[in-house]
PDB file of all heavy atoms in Angstrom:
ATOM      1  N   ILE A   1      21.086 -20.114  -9.501  1.00  0.00           N
ATOM      2  CA  ILE A   1      19.959 -19.524 -10.160  1.00  0.00           C
ATOM      3  C   ILE A   1      18.716 -19.635  -9.255  1.00  0.00           C
ATOM      4  O   ILE A   1      17.907 -18.726  -9.122  1.00  0.00           O
ATOM      5  CB  ILE A   1      19.673 -20.249 -11.505  1.00  0.00           C
ATOM      6  CG1 ILE A   1      20.801 -19.899 -12.471  1.00  0.00           C
ATOM      7  CG2 ILE A   1      18.310 -19.797 -12.094  1.00  0.00           C
ATOM      8  CD1 ILE A   1      20.696 -20.666 -13.822  1.00  0.00           C
ATOM      9  N   LEU A   2      18.523 -20.772  -8.604  1.00  0.00           N
ATOM     10  CA  LEU A   2      17.486 -20.941  -7.635  1.00  0.00           C
ATOM     11  C   LEU A   2      17.506 -19.938  -6.528  1.00  0.00           C
ATOM     12  O   LEU A   2      16.520 -19.270  -6.185  1.00  0.00           O
ATOM     13  CB  LEU A   2      17.382 -22.347  -7.058  1.00  0.00           C
ATOM     14  CG  LEU A   2      16.861 -23.487  -7.992  1.00  0.00           C
ATOM     15  CD1 LEU A   2      17.084 -24.778  -7.203  1.00  0.00           C
ATOM     16  CD2 LEU A   2      15.417 -23.270  -8.299  1.00  0.00           C
ATOM     17  N   GLU A   3      18.716 -19.747  -5.949  1.00  0.00           N
ATOM     18  CA  GLU A   3      18.857 -18.802  -4.896  1.00  0.00           C
ATOM     19  C   GLU A   3      18.634 -17.394  -5.413  1.00  0.00           C
ATOM     20  O   GLU A   3      18.058 -16.546  -4.625  1.00  0.00           O
ATOM     21  CB  GLU A   3      20.288 -18.924  -4.309  1.00  0.00           C
ATOM     22  CG  GLU A   3      20.590 -18.032  -3.149  1.00  0.00           C
ATOM     23  CD  GLU A   3      19.760 -18.315  -1.909  1.00  0.00           C
ATOM     24  OE1 GLU A   3      19.020 -19.292  -1.865  1.00  0.00           O
ATOM     25  OE2 GLU A   3      19.828 -17.482  -0.919  1.00  0.00           O
ATOM     26  N   SER A   4      19.000 -17.080  -6.572  1.00  0.00           N
ATOM     27  CA  SER A   4      18.740 -15.747  -7.157  1.00  0.00           C
ATOM     28  C   SER A   4      17.239 -15.502  -7.286  1.00  0.00           C
ATOM     29  O   SER A   4      16.705 -14.433  -6.896  1.00  0.00           O
ATOM     30  CB  SER A   4      19.349 -15.625  -8.548  1.00  0.00           C
ATOM     31  OG  SER A   4      18.861 -14.499  -9.258  1.00  0.00           O
ATOM     32  N   MET A   5      16.495 -16.520  -7.778  1.00  0.00           N
ATOM     33  CA  MET A   5      15.069 -16.414  -7.877  1.00  0.00           C
ATOM     34  C   MET A   5      14.401 -16.181  -6.518  1.00  0.00           C
ATOM     35  O   MET A   5      13.488 -15.361  -6.402  1.00  0.00           O
ATOM     36  CB  MET A   5      14.475 -17.638  -8.600  1.00  0.00           C
ATOM     37  CG  MET A   5      14.893 -17.700 -10.029  1.00  0.00           C
ATOM     38  SD  MET A   5      14.304 -19.280 -10.837  1.00  0.00           S
ATOM     39  CE  MET A   5      12.499 -18.979 -10.826  1.00  0.00           C
ATOM     40  N   ARG A   6      14.896 -16.945  -5.498  1.00  0.00           N
ATOM     41  CA  ARG A   6      14.350 -16.765  -4.166  1.00  0.00           C
ATOM     42  C   ARG A   6      14.605 -15.364  -3.598  1.00  0.00           C
ATOM     43  O   ARG A   6      13.784 -14.806  -2.898  1.00  0.00           O
ATOM     44  CB  ARG A   6      14.883 -17.823  -3.241  1.00  0.00           C
ATOM     45  CG  ARG A   6      14.562 -19.285  -3.613  1.00  0.00           C
ATOM     46  CD  ARG A   6      15.231 -20.231  -2.581  1.00  0.00           C
ATOM     47  NE  ARG A   6      15.132 -21.641  -3.047  1.00  0.00           N
ATOM     48  CZ  ARG A   6      16.188 -22.379  -3.203  1.00  0.00           C
ATOM     49  NH1 ARG A   6      17.402 -21.974  -2.941  1.00  0.00           N
ATOM     50  NH2 ARG A   6      16.059 -23.620  -3.631  1.00  0.00           N
ATOM     51  N   CYS A   7      15.787 -14.859  -3.910  1.00  0.00           N
ATOM     52  CA  CYS A   7      16.157 -13.548  -3.447  1.00  0.00           C
ATOM     53  C   CYS A   7      15.151 -12.483  -4.018  1.00  0.00           C
ATOM     54  O   CYS A   7      14.585 -11.699  -3.210  1.00  0.00           O
ATOM     55  CB  CYS A   7      17.553 -13.200  -3.905  1.00  0.00           C
ATOM     56  SG  CYS A   7      18.003 -11.450  -3.745  1.00  0.00           S
ATOM     57  N   TRP A   8      14.896 -12.479  -5.264  1.00  0.00           N
ATOM     58  CA  TRP A   8      13.988 -11.541  -5.896  1.00  0.00           C
ATOM     59  C   TRP A   8      12.542 -11.775  -5.475  1.00  0.00           C
ATOM     60  O   TRP A   8      11.739 -10.845  -5.213  1.00  0.00           O
ATOM     61  CB  TRP A   8      14.128 -11.562  -7.366  1.00  0.00           C
ATOM     62  CG  TRP A   8      15.417 -10.948  -7.862  1.00  0.00           C
ATOM     63  CD1 TRP A   8      16.566 -11.665  -8.150  1.00  0.00           C
ATOM     64  CD2 TRP A   8      15.652  -9.590  -8.060  1.00  0.00           C
ATOM     65  NE1 TRP A   8      17.541 -10.745  -8.533  1.00  0.00           N
ATOM     66  CE2 TRP A   8      17.005  -9.497  -8.483  1.00  0.00           C
ATOM     67  CE3 TRP A   8      14.941  -8.406  -7.958  1.00  0.00           C
ATOM     68  CZ2 TRP A   8      17.671  -8.227  -8.760  1.00  0.00           C
ATOM     69  CZ3 TRP A   8      15.557  -7.242  -8.181  1.00  0.00           C
ATOM     70  CH2 TRP A   8      16.895  -7.170  -8.700  1.00  0.00           C
ATOM     71  N   ALA A   9      12.108 -13.065  -5.313  1.00  0.00           N
ATOM     72  CA  ALA A   9      10.724 -13.331  -5.054  1.00  0.00           C
ATOM     73  C   ALA A   9      10.422 -13.191  -3.626  1.00  0.00           C
ATOM     74  O   ALA A   9       9.260 -12.726  -3.245  1.00  0.00           O
ATOM     75  CB  ALA A   9      10.423 -14.784  -5.563  1.00  0.00           C
ATOM     76  N   LEU A  10      11.246 -13.621  -2.696  1.00  0.00           N
ATOM     77  CA  LEU A  10      10.920 -13.619  -1.284  1.00  0.00           C
ATOM     78  C   LEU A  10      11.565 -12.415  -0.542  1.00  0.00           C
ATOM     79  O   LEU A  10      10.875 -11.938   0.385  1.00  0.00           O
ATOM     80  CB  LEU A  10      11.514 -14.916  -0.631  1.00  0.00           C
ATOM     81  CG  LEU A  10      11.023 -16.203  -1.281  1.00  0.00           C
ATOM     82  CD1 LEU A  10      11.661 -17.445  -0.536  1.00  0.00           C
ATOM     83  CD2 LEU A  10       9.530 -16.341  -1.256  1.00  0.00           C
ATOM     84  N   GLU A  11      12.642 -11.890  -0.928  1.00  0.00           N
ATOM     85  CA  GLU A  11      13.226 -10.780  -0.250  1.00  0.00           C
ATOM     86  C   GLU A  11      12.726  -9.417  -0.863  1.00  0.00           C
ATOM     87  O   GLU A  11      12.565  -8.478  -0.183  1.00  0.00           O
ATOM     88  CB  GLU A  11      14.770 -10.830  -0.304  1.00  0.00           C
ATOM     89  CG  GLU A  11      15.436 -12.019   0.427  1.00  0.00           C
ATOM     90  CD  GLU A  11      16.899 -12.060   0.211  1.00  0.00           C
ATOM     91  OE1 GLU A  11      17.529 -11.072  -0.122  1.00  0.00           O
ATOM     92  OE2 GLU A  11      17.450 -13.226   0.347  1.00  0.00           O
ATOM     93  N   LEU A  12      12.594  -9.410  -2.155  1.00  0.00           N
ATOM     94  CA  LEU A  12      12.188  -8.147  -2.875  1.00  0.00           C
ATOM     95  C   LEU A  12      10.754  -8.191  -3.361  1.00  0.00           C
ATOM     96  O   LEU A  12      10.255  -7.188  -3.857  1.00  0.00           O
ATOM     97  CB  LEU A  12      13.202  -7.875  -4.000  1.00  0.00           C
ATOM     98  CG  LEU A  12      14.654  -7.713  -3.542  1.00  0.00           C
ATOM     99  CD1 LEU A  12      15.541  -7.449  -4.714  1.00  0.00           C
ATOM    100  CD2 LEU A  12      14.802  -6.611  -2.454  1.00  0.00           C
ATOM    101  N   GLY A  13      10.131  -9.362  -3.344  1.00  0.00           N
ATOM    102  CA  GLY A  13       8.635  -9.423  -3.548  1.00  0.00           C
ATOM    103  C   GLY A  13       8.168  -9.573  -4.926  1.00  0.00           C
ATOM    104  O   GLY A  13       6.884  -9.554  -5.140  1.00  0.00           O
ATOM    105  N   VAL A  14       9.000  -9.797  -5.937  1.00  0.00           N
ATOM    106  CA  VAL A  14       8.486  -9.874  -7.277  1.00  0.00           C
ATOM    107  C   VAL A  14       7.562 -11.094  -7.469  1.00  0.00           C
ATOM    108  O   VAL A  14       7.657 -12.039  -6.707  1.00  0.00           O
ATOM    109  CB  VAL A  14       9.619  -9.800  -8.344  1.00  0.00           C
ATOM    110  CG1 VAL A  14      10.483  -8.592  -8.211  1.00  0.00           C
ATOM    111  CG2 VAL A  14      10.369 -11.103  -8.344  1.00  0.00           C
ATOM    112  N   ASP A  15       6.776 -11.097  -8.444  1.00  0.00           N
ATOM    113  CA  ASP A  15       5.712 -12.057  -8.662  1.00  0.00           C
ATOM    114  C   ASP A  15       5.991 -13.090  -9.732  1.00  0.00           C
ATOM    115  O   ASP A  15       5.114 -14.026  -9.895  1.00  0.00           O
ATOM    116  CB  ASP A  15       4.413 -11.343  -8.988  1.00  0.00           C
ATOM    117  CG  ASP A  15       4.047 -10.330  -7.925  1.00  0.00           C
ATOM    118  OD1 ASP A  15       3.732 -10.739  -6.799  1.00  0.00           O
ATOM    119  OD2 ASP A  15       4.063  -9.107  -8.250  1.00  0.00           O
ATOM    120  N   GLY A  16       7.037 -12.901 -10.469  1.00  0.00           N
ATOM    121  CA  GLY A  16       7.321 -13.949 -11.574  1.00  0.00           C
ATOM    122  C   GLY A  16       8.537 -13.514 -12.342  1.00  0.00           C
ATOM    123  O   GLY A  16       9.174 -12.455 -12.155  1.00  0.00           O
ATOM    124  N   PHE A  17       8.862 -14.409 -13.324  1.00  0.00           N
ATOM    125  CA  PHE A  17      10.040 -14.232 -14.117  1.00  0.00           C
ATOM    126  C   PHE A  17       9.774 -14.612 -15.561  1.00  0.00           C
ATOM    127  O   PHE A  17       9.011 -15.516 -15.866  1.00  0.00           O
ATOM    128  CB  PHE A  17      11.183 -15.112 -13.639  1.00  0.00           C
ATOM    129  CG  PHE A  17      11.526 -14.912 -12.187  1.00  0.00           C
ATOM    130  CD1 PHE A  17      10.998 -15.637 -11.160  1.00  0.00           C
ATOM    131  CD2 PHE A  17      12.430 -13.881 -11.849  1.00  0.00           C
ATOM    132  CE1 PHE A  17      11.359 -15.388  -9.814  1.00  0.00           C
ATOM    133  CE2 PHE A  17      12.784 -13.585 -10.574  1.00  0.00           C
ATOM    134  CZ  PHE A  17      12.237 -14.392  -9.540  1.00  0.00           C
ATOM    135  N   ARG A  18      10.385 -13.906 -16.451  1.00  0.00           N
ATOM    136  CA  ARG A  18      10.381 -14.200 -17.905  1.00  0.00           C
ATOM    137  C   ARG A  18      11.880 -14.519 -18.281  1.00  0.00           C
ATOM    138  O   ARG A  18      12.683 -13.676 -18.134  1.00  0.00           O
ATOM    139  CB  ARG A  18       9.814 -13.049 -18.708  1.00  0.00           C
ATOM    140  CG  ARG A  18       9.913 -13.211 -20.221  1.00  0.00           C
ATOM    141  CD  ARG A  18      11.155 -12.584 -20.762  1.00  0.00           C
ATOM    142  NE  ARG A  18      11.218 -12.542 -22.247  1.00  0.00           N
ATOM    143  CZ  ARG A  18      12.257 -12.217 -22.957  1.00  0.00           C
ATOM    144  NH1 ARG A  18      13.439 -12.024 -22.366  1.00  0.00           N
ATOM    145  NH2 ARG A  18      12.270 -12.255 -24.233  1.00  0.00           N
ATOM    146  N   PHE A  19      12.109 -15.731 -18.657  1.00  0.00           N
ATOM    147  CA  PHE A  19      13.452 -16.206 -18.922  1.00  0.00           C
ATOM    148  C   PHE A  19      13.914 -15.838 -20.336  1.00  0.00           C
ATOM    149  O   PHE A  19      13.415 -16.411 -21.293  1.00  0.00           O
ATOM    150  CB  PHE A  19      13.583 -17.743 -18.671  1.00  0.00           C
ATOM    151  CG  PHE A  19      13.267 -18.180 -17.289  1.00  0.00           C
ATOM    152  CD1 PHE A  19      11.986 -18.737 -17.044  1.00  0.00           C
ATOM    153  CD2 PHE A  19      14.104 -17.996 -16.244  1.00  0.00           C
ATOM    154  CE1 PHE A  19      11.609 -19.134 -15.753  1.00  0.00           C
ATOM    155  CE2 PHE A  19      13.764 -18.416 -14.926  1.00  0.00           C
ATOM    156  CZ  PHE A  19      12.557 -18.965 -14.701  1.00  0.00           C
ATOM    157  N   ASP A  20      14.907 -14.894 -20.383  1.00  0.00           N
ATOM    158  CA  ASP A  20      15.467 -14.600 -21.739  1.00  0.00           C
ATOM    159  C   ASP A  20      16.197 -15.798 -22.282  1.00  0.00           C
ATOM    160  O   ASP A  20      16.955 -16.544 -21.597  1.00  0.00           O
ATOM    161  CB  ASP A  20      16.452 -13.420 -21.460  1.00  0.00           C
ATOM    162  CG  ASP A  20      17.234 -13.080 -22.751  1.00  0.00           C
ATOM    163  OD1 ASP A  20      16.564 -12.545 -23.657  1.00  0.00           O
ATOM    164  OD2 ASP A  20      18.449 -13.284 -22.799  1.00  0.00           O
ATOM    165  N   LEU A  21      15.865 -16.080 -23.609  1.00  0.00           N
ATOM    166  CA  LEU A  21      16.449 -17.292 -24.210  1.00  0.00           C
ATOM    167  C   LEU A  21      16.347 -18.508 -23.327  1.00  0.00           C
ATOM    168  O   LEU A  21      17.285 -19.287 -23.231  1.00  0.00           O
ATOM    169  CB  LEU A  21      17.834 -17.047 -24.653  1.00  0.00           C
ATOM    170  CG  LEU A  21      18.149 -15.857 -25.641  1.00  0.00           C
ATOM    171  CD1 LEU A  21      19.639 -15.828 -25.954  1.00  0.00           C
ATOM    172  CD2 LEU A  21      17.251 -15.975 -26.899  1.00  0.00           C
ATOM    173  N   GLY A  22      15.171 -18.637 -22.694  1.00  0.00           N
ATOM    174  CA  GLY A  22      15.047 -19.671 -21.604  1.00  0.00           C
ATOM    175  C   GLY A  22      15.340 -21.089 -22.077  1.00  0.00           C
ATOM    176  O   GLY A  22      15.758 -21.963 -21.270  1.00  0.00           O
ATOM    177  N   ILE A  23      15.111 -21.358 -23.374  1.00  0.00           N
ATOM    178  CA  ILE A  23      15.282 -22.818 -23.814  1.00  0.00           C
ATOM    179  C   ILE A  23      16.840 -23.126 -23.712  1.00  0.00           C
ATOM    180  O   ILE A  23      17.159 -24.367 -23.595  1.00  0.00           O
ATOM    181  CB  ILE A  23      14.804 -23.014 -25.184  1.00  0.00           C
ATOM    182  CG1 ILE A  23      14.642 -24.515 -25.513  1.00  0.00           C
ATOM    183  CG2 ILE A  23      15.697 -22.363 -26.264  1.00  0.00           C
ATOM    184  CD1 ILE A  23      13.651 -25.206 -24.614  1.00  0.00           C
ATOM    185  N   GLU A  24      17.714 -22.162 -23.678  1.00  0.00           N
ATOM    186  CA  GLU A  24      19.167 -22.489 -23.478  1.00  0.00           C
ATOM    187  C   GLU A  24      19.408 -23.119 -22.171  1.00  0.00           C
ATOM    188  O   GLU A  24      20.287 -23.985 -22.064  1.00  0.00           O
ATOM    189  CB  GLU A  24      19.968 -21.178 -23.624  1.00  0.00           C
ATOM    190  CG  GLU A  24      21.467 -21.388 -23.559  1.00  0.00           C
ATOM    191  CD  GLU A  24      22.107 -21.555 -22.177  1.00  0.00           C
ATOM    192  OE1 GLU A  24      21.422 -21.113 -21.202  1.00  0.00           O
ATOM    193  OE2 GLU A  24      23.113 -22.193 -22.006  1.00  0.00           O
ATOM    194  N   LEU A  25      18.546 -22.845 -21.177  1.00  0.00           N
ATOM    195  CA  LEU A  25      18.727 -23.451 -19.860  1.00  0.00           C
ATOM    196  C   LEU A  25      18.363 -24.877 -19.801  1.00  0.00           C
ATOM    197  O   LEU A  25      18.565 -25.504 -18.804  1.00  0.00           O
ATOM    198  CB  LEU A  25      17.914 -22.612 -18.839  1.00  0.00           C
ATOM    199  CG  LEU A  25      18.229 -21.156 -18.727  1.00  0.00           C
ATOM    200  CD1 LEU A  25      17.202 -20.377 -17.880  1.00  0.00           C
ATOM    201  CD2 LEU A  25      19.603 -20.884 -18.233  1.00  0.00           C
ATOM    202  N   SER A  26      17.839 -25.367 -20.958  1.00  0.00           N
ATOM    203  CA  SER A  26      17.464 -26.799 -21.007  1.00  0.00           C
ATOM    204  C   SER A  26      18.546 -27.612 -21.661  1.00  0.00           C
ATOM    205  O   SER A  26      18.410 -28.882 -21.837  1.00  0.00           O
ATOM    206  CB  SER A  26      16.172 -26.957 -21.741  1.00  0.00           C
ATOM    207  OG  SER A  26      16.312 -26.840 -23.136  1.00  0.00           O
ATOM    208  N   ARG A  27      19.613 -27.005 -22.011  1.00  0.00           N
ATOM    209  CA  ARG A  27      20.734 -27.767 -22.707  1.00  0.00           C
ATOM    210  C   ARG A  27      21.645 -28.433 -21.709  1.00  0.00           C
ATOM    211  O   ARG A  27      21.961 -27.895 -20.659  1.00  0.00           O
ATOM    212  CB  ARG A  27      21.529 -26.792 -23.615  1.00  0.00           C
ATOM    213  CG  ARG A  27      20.766 -26.305 -24.812  1.00  0.00           C
ATOM    214  CD  ARG A  27      21.595 -25.360 -25.698  1.00  0.00           C
ATOM    215  NE  ARG A  27      20.924 -24.801 -26.835  1.00  0.00           N
ATOM    216  CZ  ARG A  27      20.945 -25.308 -28.071  1.00  0.00           C
ATOM    217  NH1 ARG A  27      21.650 -26.464 -28.214  1.00  0.00           N
ATOM    218  NH2 ARG A  27      20.324 -24.757 -29.021  1.00  0.00           N
ATOM    219  N   GLY A  28      22.079 -29.614 -22.044  1.00  0.00           N
ATOM    220  CA  GLY A  28      22.980 -30.356 -21.228  1.00  0.00           C
ATOM    221  C   GLY A  28      24.424 -30.437 -21.818  1.00  0.00           C
ATOM    222  O   GLY A  28      24.790 -29.479 -22.617  1.00  0.00           O
ATOM    223  N   ASP A  29      25.230 -31.311 -21.447  1.00  0.00           N
ATOM    224  CA  ASP A  29      26.612 -31.380 -21.909  1.00  0.00           C
ATOM    225  C   ASP A  29      26.668 -31.344 -23.375  1.00  0.00           C
ATOM    226  O   ASP A  29      25.870 -32.096 -24.093  1.00  0.00           O
ATOM    227  CB  ASP A  29      27.217 -32.692 -21.366  1.00  0.00           C
ATOM    228  CG  ASP A  29      27.449 -32.571 -19.872  1.00  0.00           C
ATOM    229  OD1 ASP A  29      27.356 -31.569 -19.269  1.00  0.00           O
ATOM    230  OD2 ASP A  29      27.613 -33.747 -19.280  1.00  0.00           O
ATOM    231  N   GLY A  30      27.638 -30.578 -23.883  1.00  0.00           N
ATOM    232  CA  GLY A  30      27.721 -30.401 -25.378  1.00  0.00           C
ATOM    233  C   GLY A  30      26.560 -29.708 -26.027  1.00  0.00           C
ATOM    234  O   GLY A  30      26.312 -29.846 -27.244  1.00  0.00           O
ATOM    235  N   LEU A  31      25.765 -29.049 -25.166  1.00  0.00           N
ATOM    236  CA  LEU A  31      24.574 -28.281 -25.638  1.00  0.00           C
ATOM    237  C   LEU A  31      23.477 -29.176 -26.107  1.00  0.00           C
ATOM    238  O   LEU A  31      22.546 -28.771 -26.772  1.00  0.00           O
ATOM    239  CB  LEU A  31      24.932 -27.275 -26.714  1.00  0.00           C
ATOM    240  CG  LEU A  31      25.894 -26.184 -26.374  1.00  0.00           C
ATOM    241  CD1 LEU A  31      26.177 -25.265 -27.558  1.00  0.00           C
ATOM    242  CD2 LEU A  31      25.407 -25.383 -25.200  1.00  0.00           C
ATOM    243  N   LYS A  32      23.465 -30.434 -25.706  1.00  0.00           N
ATOM    244  CA  LYS A  32      22.424 -31.382 -26.067  1.00  0.00           C
ATOM    245  C   LYS A  32      21.090 -30.986 -25.454  1.00  0.00           C
ATOM    246  O   LYS A  32      21.090 -30.766 -24.185  1.00  0.00           O
ATOM    247  CB  LYS A  32      22.766 -32.773 -25.678  1.00  0.00           C
ATOM    248  CG  LYS A  32      21.731 -33.804 -25.980  1.00  0.00           C
ATOM    249  CD  LYS A  32      22.079 -35.200 -25.478  1.00  0.00           C
ATOM    250  CE  LYS A  32      21.007 -36.224 -25.745  1.00  0.00           C
ATOM    251  NZ  LYS A  32      21.361 -37.561 -25.201  1.00  0.00           N
ATOM    252  N   PRO A  33      20.003 -30.797 -26.183  1.00  0.00           N
ATOM    253  CA  PRO A  33      18.739 -30.523 -25.567  1.00  0.00           C
ATOM    254  C   PRO A  33      18.234 -31.634 -24.668  1.00  0.00           C
ATOM    255  O   PRO A  33      18.319 -32.829 -25.065  1.00  0.00           O
ATOM    256  CB  PRO A  33      17.778 -30.371 -26.826  1.00  0.00           C
ATOM    257  CG  PRO A  33      18.735 -30.060 -27.965  1.00  0.00           C
ATOM    258  CD  PRO A  33      19.961 -30.834 -27.714  1.00  0.00           C
ATOM    259  N   LEU A  34      17.776 -31.224 -23.536  1.00  0.00           N
ATOM    260  CA  LEU A  34      17.238 -32.248 -22.507  1.00  0.00           C
ATOM    261  C   LEU A  34      15.750 -32.153 -22.401  1.00  0.00           C
ATOM    262  O   LEU A  34      15.214 -31.051 -22.424  1.00  0.00           O
ATOM    263  CB  LEU A  34      17.902 -31.989 -21.161  1.00  0.00           C
ATOM    264  CG  LEU A  34      19.471 -31.913 -21.066  1.00  0.00           C
ATOM    265  CD1 LEU A  34      19.914 -31.533 -19.689  1.00  0.00           C
ATOM    266  CD2 LEU A  34      20.004 -33.310 -21.501  1.00  0.00           C
ATOM    267  N   ASP A  35      15.088 -33.298 -22.265  1.00  0.00           N
ATOM    268  CA  ASP A  35      13.699 -33.324 -22.075  1.00  0.00           C
ATOM    269  C   ASP A  35      13.311 -33.098 -20.646  1.00  0.00           C
ATOM    270  O   ASP A  35      12.137 -32.727 -20.308  1.00  0.00           O
ATOM    271  CB  ASP A  35      13.039 -34.600 -22.562  1.00  0.00           C
ATOM    272  CG  ASP A  35      13.069 -34.742 -24.081  1.00  0.00           C
ATOM    273  OD1 ASP A  35      12.958 -33.706 -24.730  1.00  0.00           O
ATOM    274  OD2 ASP A  35      13.251 -35.868 -24.615  1.00  0.00           O
ATOM    275  N   ASN A  36      14.219 -33.300 -19.670  1.00  0.00           N
ATOM    276  CA  ASN A  36      14.005 -33.151 -18.286  1.00  0.00           C
ATOM    277  C   ASN A  36      15.125 -32.263 -17.693  1.00  0.00           C
ATOM    278  O   ASN A  36      15.972 -32.822 -16.980  1.00  0.00           O
ATOM    279  CB  ASN A  36      13.887 -34.494 -17.510  1.00  0.00           C
ATOM    280  CG  ASN A  36      12.738 -35.340 -18.004  1.00  0.00           C
ATOM    281  OD1 ASN A  36      11.552 -34.972 -17.808  1.00  0.00           O
ATOM    282  ND2 ASN A  36      13.031 -36.403 -18.736  1.00  0.00           N
ATOM    283  N   PRO A  37      15.168 -30.999 -18.025  1.00  0.00           N
ATOM    284  CA  PRO A  37      16.293 -30.128 -17.624  1.00  0.00           C
ATOM    285  C   PRO A  37      16.368 -30.058 -16.050  1.00  0.00           C
ATOM    286  O   PRO A  37      15.308 -29.797 -15.424  1.00  0.00           O
ATOM    287  CB  PRO A  37      16.007 -28.830 -18.232  1.00  0.00           C
ATOM    288  CG  PRO A  37      15.013 -29.086 -19.318  1.00  0.00           C
ATOM    289  CD  PRO A  37      14.256 -30.285 -18.872  1.00  0.00           C
ATOM    290  N   PRO A  38      17.537 -30.252 -15.461  1.00  0.00           N
ATOM    291  CA  PRO A  38      17.640 -30.171 -14.020  1.00  0.00           C
ATOM    292  C   PRO A  38      17.109 -28.885 -13.404  1.00  0.00           C
ATOM    293  O   PRO A  38      16.466 -28.824 -12.405  1.00  0.00           O
ATOM    294  CB  PRO A  38      19.144 -30.405 -13.748  1.00  0.00           C
ATOM    295  CG  PRO A  38      19.627 -31.157 -14.921  1.00  0.00           C
ATOM    296  CD  PRO A  38      18.834 -30.610 -16.057  1.00  0.00           C
ATOM    297  N   LEU A  39      17.409 -27.754 -14.088  1.00  0.00           N
ATOM    298  CA  LEU A  39      16.928 -26.459 -13.548  1.00  0.00           C
ATOM    299  C   LEU A  39      15.525 -26.358 -13.509  1.00  0.00           C
ATOM    300  O   LEU A  39      14.919 -25.984 -12.500  1.00  0.00           O
ATOM    301  CB  LEU A  39      17.590 -25.337 -14.338  1.00  0.00           C
ATOM    302  CG  LEU A  39      17.081 -23.860 -13.887  1.00  0.00           C
ATOM    303  CD1 LEU A  39      17.459 -23.585 -12.494  1.00  0.00           C
ATOM    304  CD2 LEU A  39      17.636 -22.846 -14.887  1.00  0.00           C
ATOM    305  N   PHE A  40      14.782 -26.637 -14.570  1.00  0.00           N
ATOM    306  CA  PHE A  40      13.363 -26.582 -14.604  1.00  0.00           C
ATOM    307  C   PHE A  40      12.715 -27.479 -13.658  1.00  0.00           C
ATOM    308  O   PHE A  40      11.724 -27.132 -13.003  1.00  0.00           O
ATOM    309  CB  PHE A  40      12.842 -26.790 -16.068  1.00  0.00           C
ATOM    310  CG  PHE A  40      13.257 -25.720 -17.035  1.00  0.00           C
ATOM    311  CD1 PHE A  40      13.206 -26.016 -18.423  1.00  0.00           C
ATOM    312  CD2 PHE A  40      13.659 -24.506 -16.589  1.00  0.00           C
ATOM    313  CE1 PHE A  40      13.554 -25.050 -19.351  1.00  0.00           C
ATOM    314  CE2 PHE A  40      14.049 -23.502 -17.531  1.00  0.00           C
ATOM    315  CZ  PHE A  40      14.002 -23.781 -18.878  1.00  0.00           C
ATOM    316  N   GLU A  41      13.225 -28.677 -13.451  1.00  0.00           N
ATOM    317  CA  GLU A  41      12.700 -29.640 -12.521  1.00  0.00           C
ATOM    318  C   GLU A  41      12.831 -29.054 -11.107  1.00  0.00           C
ATOM    319  O   GLU A  41      11.983 -29.195 -10.265  1.00  0.00           O
ATOM    320  CB  GLU A  41      13.329 -31.011 -12.664  1.00  0.00           C
ATOM    321  CG  GLU A  41      12.945 -31.693 -13.948  1.00  0.00           C
ATOM    322  CD  GLU A  41      13.353 -33.175 -13.926  1.00  0.00           C
ATOM    323  OE1 GLU A  41      14.354 -33.488 -13.222  1.00  0.00           O
ATOM    324  OE2 GLU A  41      12.702 -34.010 -14.625  1.00  0.00           O
ATOM    325  N   ALA A  42      13.975 -28.421 -10.860  1.00  0.00           N
ATOM    326  CA  ALA A  42      14.235 -27.901  -9.519  1.00  0.00           C
ATOM    327  C   ALA A  42      13.322 -26.734  -9.266  1.00  0.00           C
ATOM    328  O   ALA A  42      12.808 -26.567  -8.103  1.00  0.00           O
ATOM    329  CB  ALA A  42      15.699 -27.454  -9.411  1.00  0.00           C
ATOM    330  N   ILE A  43      13.093 -25.881 -10.171  1.00  0.00           N
ATOM    331  CA  ILE A  43      12.177 -24.788 -10.059  1.00  0.00           C
ATOM    332  C   ILE A  43      10.827 -25.225  -9.687  1.00  0.00           C
ATOM    333  O   ILE A  43      10.113 -24.725  -8.779  1.00  0.00           O
ATOM    334  CB  ILE A  43      12.143 -23.856 -11.330  1.00  0.00           C
ATOM    335  CG1 ILE A  43      13.542 -23.140 -11.465  1.00  0.00           C
ATOM    336  CG2 ILE A  43      11.049 -22.876 -11.251  1.00  0.00           C
ATOM    337  CD1 ILE A  43      13.702 -22.393 -12.790  1.00  0.00           C
ATOM    338  N   GLU A  44      10.322 -26.214 -10.451  1.00  0.00           N
ATOM    339  CA  GLU A  44       8.929 -26.638 -10.303  1.00  0.00           C
ATOM    340  C   GLU A  44       8.789 -27.490  -8.995  1.00  0.00           C
ATOM    341  O   GLU A  44       7.671 -27.574  -8.493  1.00  0.00           O
ATOM    342  CB  GLU A  44       8.560 -27.506 -11.533  1.00  0.00           C
ATOM    343  CG  GLU A  44       8.459 -26.694 -12.788  1.00  0.00           C
ATOM    344  CD  GLU A  44       8.057 -27.524 -13.992  1.00  0.00           C
ATOM    345  OE1 GLU A  44       8.269 -28.713 -13.994  1.00  0.00           O
ATOM    346  OE2 GLU A  44       7.546 -26.935 -14.910  1.00  0.00           O
TER     347      GLU A  44
END
């Protein structure tokens, strides 16, 4: 996902993203909600 974002932002020039159903990306094993999701921490 990070590499995809870099592709669109750095190679194709877009300025941002709106994450569809983005809170799903914060779920951990067994769909448990996480307070420190690895993806969001990596993005930031």
